[in-house]
Protein backbone atom coordinates (compact mmCIF):
# COMPACT_ATOMS: atom_id res chain seq x y z
CA ALA A 1 5.96 9.25 1.26
CA VAL A 2 8.90 11.20 2.83
CA GLN A 3 11.86 8.90 4.26
CA PRO A 4 13.65 9.59 7.05
CA ASP A 5 16.62 11.07 4.93
CA GLY A 6 13.91 13.64 3.58
CA LYS A 7 13.66 12.08 -0.03
CA ILE A 8 9.91 12.05 -1.25
CA LEU A 9 8.49 9.13 -3.01
CA VAL A 10 5.49 9.85 -5.66
CA GLY A 11 3.46 7.07 -6.93
CA GLY A 12 0.51 7.25 -9.93
CA ASN A 13 0.17 6.63 -13.48
CA PHE A 14 2.69 8.89 -14.90
CA VAL A 15 6.06 7.46 -17.11
CA LEU A 16 8.16 10.40 -17.29
CA VAL A 17 9.86 12.45 -14.11
CA ALA A 18 11.80 15.42 -14.91
CA GLY A 19 12.31 14.13 -18.59
CA GLN A 20 13.40 10.58 -17.49
CA SER A 21 11.14 7.77 -17.38
CA ARG A 22 9.90 6.67 -14.23
CA TYR A 23 6.89 4.16 -14.47
CA ARG A 24 4.42 4.80 -11.98
CA VAL A 25 6.75 5.60 -8.89
CA ALA A 26 9.75 7.83 -8.64
CA ARG A 27 11.84 8.95 -5.70
CA LEU A 28 12.86 12.63 -5.37
CA ASN A 29 16.10 14.14 -3.64
CA PRO A 30 15.08 16.80 -0.74
CA ASP A 31 15.67 19.58 -3.34
CA GLY A 32 13.23 18.10 -5.91
CA THR A 33 15.57 16.68 -8.41
CA LEU A 34 15.22 13.16 -9.32
CA ASP A 35 16.73 10.13 -7.91
CA ALA A 36 18.37 8.38 -10.57
CA GLY A 37 19.18 5.36 -8.61
CA PHE A 38 15.58 4.47 -7.66
CA ASN A 39 13.56 2.55 -10.24
CA PRO A 40 11.24 -0.18 -9.20
CA GLY A 41 9.11 0.41 -12.07
CA PRO A 42 5.68 -1.48 -11.49
CA ASP A 43 3.53 -2.12 -14.65
CA LEU A 44 0.71 -0.21 -13.63
CA SER A 45 -0.62 2.35 -11.22
CA VAL A 46 0.63 2.66 -7.57
CA TYR A 47 -2.21 4.31 -5.64
CA THR A 48 -0.72 4.25 -2.11
CA LEU A 49 3.06 4.33 -0.84
CA ALA A 50 4.42 4.07 2.85
CA VAL A 51 7.74 3.72 4.33
CA GLN A 52 8.64 1.24 7.11
CA PRO A 53 10.55 2.21 10.18
CA ASP A 54 13.31 -0.02 9.29
CA GLY A 55 13.27 1.85 5.30
CA LYS A 56 11.82 -0.59 3.49
CA ILE A 57 8.89 0.82 1.23
CA LEU A 58 5.14 -0.61 0.61
CA LEU A 59 3.67 0.15 -2.64
CA GLY A 60 0.01 -0.89 -3.39
CA GLY A 61 -1.92 -0.26 -6.48
CA GLY A 62 -3.06 -1.91 -9.58
CA PHE A 63 -0.06 -3.35 -10.78
CA THR A 64 1.11 -6.98 -11.36
CA THR A 65 4.53 -6.92 -11.41
CA LEU A 66 7.22 -4.84 -9.56
CA THR A 67 11.22 -4.54 -10.57
CA GLY A 68 10.12 -7.04 -13.46
CA GLN A 69 9.17 -9.54 -11.01
CA PRO A 70 5.40 -11.13 -10.49
CA ARG A 71 4.11 -9.06 -7.40
CA ARG A 72 0.25 -8.57 -7.27
CA TYR A 73 -1.40 -5.08 -6.26
CA LEU A 74 0.86 -5.04 -2.95
CA GLY A 75 4.86 -5.42 -2.73
CA ARG A 76 7.71 -4.14 -0.84
CA VAL A 77 11.02 -2.83 -2.00
CA HIS A 78 14.40 -2.30 -0.20
CA SER A 79 15.58 1.75 0.12
CA ASP A 80 17.54 1.30 -2.99
CA GLY A 81 14.32 0.07 -4.88
CA SER A 82 15.02 -3.53 -5.13
CA LEU A 83 12.57 -6.10 -4.56
CA ASP A 84 11.69 -7.61 -1.00
CA ALA A 85 11.44 -11.04 -2.45
CA ALA A 86 9.78 -12.37 1.35
CA PHE A 87 7.01 -9.87 1.50
CA ASN A 88 4.47 -11.14 -1.02
CA PRO A 89 0.65 -11.03 0.70
CA ASN A 90 -0.57 -11.65 -2.91
CA PRO A 91 -4.03 -9.72 -2.66
CA ASP A 92 -6.43 -10.89 -5.56
CA SER A 93 -7.47 -7.37 -6.63
CA GLY A 94 -6.06 -3.79 -6.21
CA VAL A 95 -4.93 -2.08 -3.05
CA ARG A 96 -6.08 1.42 -2.78
CA CYS A 97 -4.84 2.68 0.63
CA LEU A 98 -2.11 1.76 3.31
CA ALA A 99 -1.91 2.61 7.12
CA LEU A 100 1.54 1.74 9.49
CA GLN A 101 0.16 1.04 13.13
CA PRO A 102 3.12 2.17 15.49
CA ASP A 103 3.84 -1.73 16.37
CA GLY A 104 4.65 -2.24 12.75
CA ARG A 105 1.62 -3.97 11.29
CA ILE A 106 0.16 -2.71 7.71
CA VAL A 107 -3.35 -2.07 7.48
CA VAL A 108 -4.36 -2.76 3.74
CA GLY A 109 -7.65 -1.26 2.09
CA GLY A 110 -8.83 -1.84 -1.59
CA ASN A 111 -11.02 -4.18 -3.42
CA PHE A 112 -9.63 -7.21 -2.76
CA THR A 113 -11.58 -10.51 -1.38
CA GLU A 114 -8.32 -12.34 -0.67
CA ILE A 115 -5.15 -11.67 0.87
CA CYS A 116 -2.33 -14.09 2.22
CA GLY A 117 -4.42 -16.77 0.77
CA GLU A 118 -7.34 -15.94 3.11
CA VAL A 119 -10.64 -14.74 2.69
CA ARG A 120 -10.69 -10.86 3.63
CA LEU A 121 -13.28 -8.19 2.06
CA ARG A 122 -11.46 -5.53 1.05
CA ILE A 123 -9.71 -4.75 4.51
CA ALA A 124 -6.96 -6.31 5.96
CA ARG A 125 -4.38 -6.12 8.65
CA LEU A 126 -0.80 -7.64 8.03
CA ASN A 127 2.01 -8.37 10.28
CA ALA A 128 5.10 -6.34 9.63
CA ASP A 129 6.74 -9.20 7.85
CA GLY A 130 3.64 -9.53 5.46
CA THR A 131 2.15 -12.23 7.10
CA LEU A 132 -1.80 -12.04 7.68
CA ASP A 133 -2.80 -10.85 11.02
CA THR A 134 -5.35 -13.30 11.64
CA ASN A 135 -6.65 -11.57 14.88
CA PHE A 136 -8.28 -8.48 12.48
CA ASN A 137 -11.14 -9.65 10.60
CA ALA A 138 -13.18 -6.54 9.53
CA SER A 139 -14.92 -6.30 6.46
CA THR A 140 -16.95 -4.11 3.88
CA SER A 141 -19.67 -4.59 1.11
CA TYR A 142 -17.67 -2.73 -1.73
CA VAL A 143 -14.03 -0.76 -2.14
CA VAL A 144 -11.87 0.78 0.73
CA ASN A 145 -10.31 4.09 -0.78
CA ALA A 146 -8.96 5.85 2.37
CA LEU A 147 -7.60 4.52 5.39
CA ALA A 148 -6.32 7.17 8.91
CA LEU A 149 -4.96 6.08 12.25
CA GLN A 150 -6.20 7.95 15.21
CA PRO A 151 -3.95 8.49 17.98
CA ASP A 152 -6.03 6.22 20.11
CA GLY A 153 -5.58 3.18 17.77
CA ARG A 154 -8.92 3.39 16.03
CA ILE A 155 -8.86 2.88 12.37
CA LEU A 156 -10.83 5.49 9.98
CA LEU A 157 -12.23 4.10 6.62
CA GLY A 158 -13.59 5.85 3.85
CA GLY A 159 -14.72 4.34 0.32
CA THR A 160 -17.93 3.15 -1.56
CA PHE A 161 -19.21 0.62 0.72
CA GLY A 162 -22.35 0.33 2.57
CA THR A 163 -21.78 -1.92 5.37
CA VAL A 164 -19.05 -2.59 7.68
CA CYS A 165 -18.57 -5.67 9.50
CA GLY A 166 -22.21 -6.37 8.68
CA GLN A 167 -23.27 -3.05 9.92
CA PRO A 168 -24.79 0.05 7.97
CA ARG A 169 -21.86 2.27 7.43
CA SER A 170 -22.40 4.53 4.42
CA ASN A 171 -18.96 5.47 2.88
CA ILE A 172 -16.90 6.26 6.31
CA ALA A 173 -16.53 4.12 9.39
CA ARG A 174 -14.52 3.68 12.39
CA LEU A 175 -12.90 0.27 13.57
């Protein structure tokens, strides 16, 4: 993900960047050098990153801690890498993909079956503050690995599912 100032966020399962310890997420300066001041340090893989319009950074993955604090599979940090303690949707399994809608809402996909204390089968939409958007209640039969937004607002999803919202859809669908 690229921040408005041109800095580049990278996530994965690495433990070193430019010869320095960086666990699973790092930020590079526009010239490709490591931003030494940014180090949220999730304990396990980061699969997806997104930068919200206010500069806060969403991270999704297989982690259970972020900045040394409990944060399961989805978290948000401030632009300096410190934890946004107010954001805690707490999915019950991994988050594989994120998409930010123009109105600030966050579409989340993965292998979870619960988020924000509510049943949501592998896809959910959150409000910008991390609360559940209860007006969105799609579901898939198995993992959502990819999300994309169309200009008309429709949502494309890809994964290893066989049904979407109870309808046969093999691995790709549009909401």
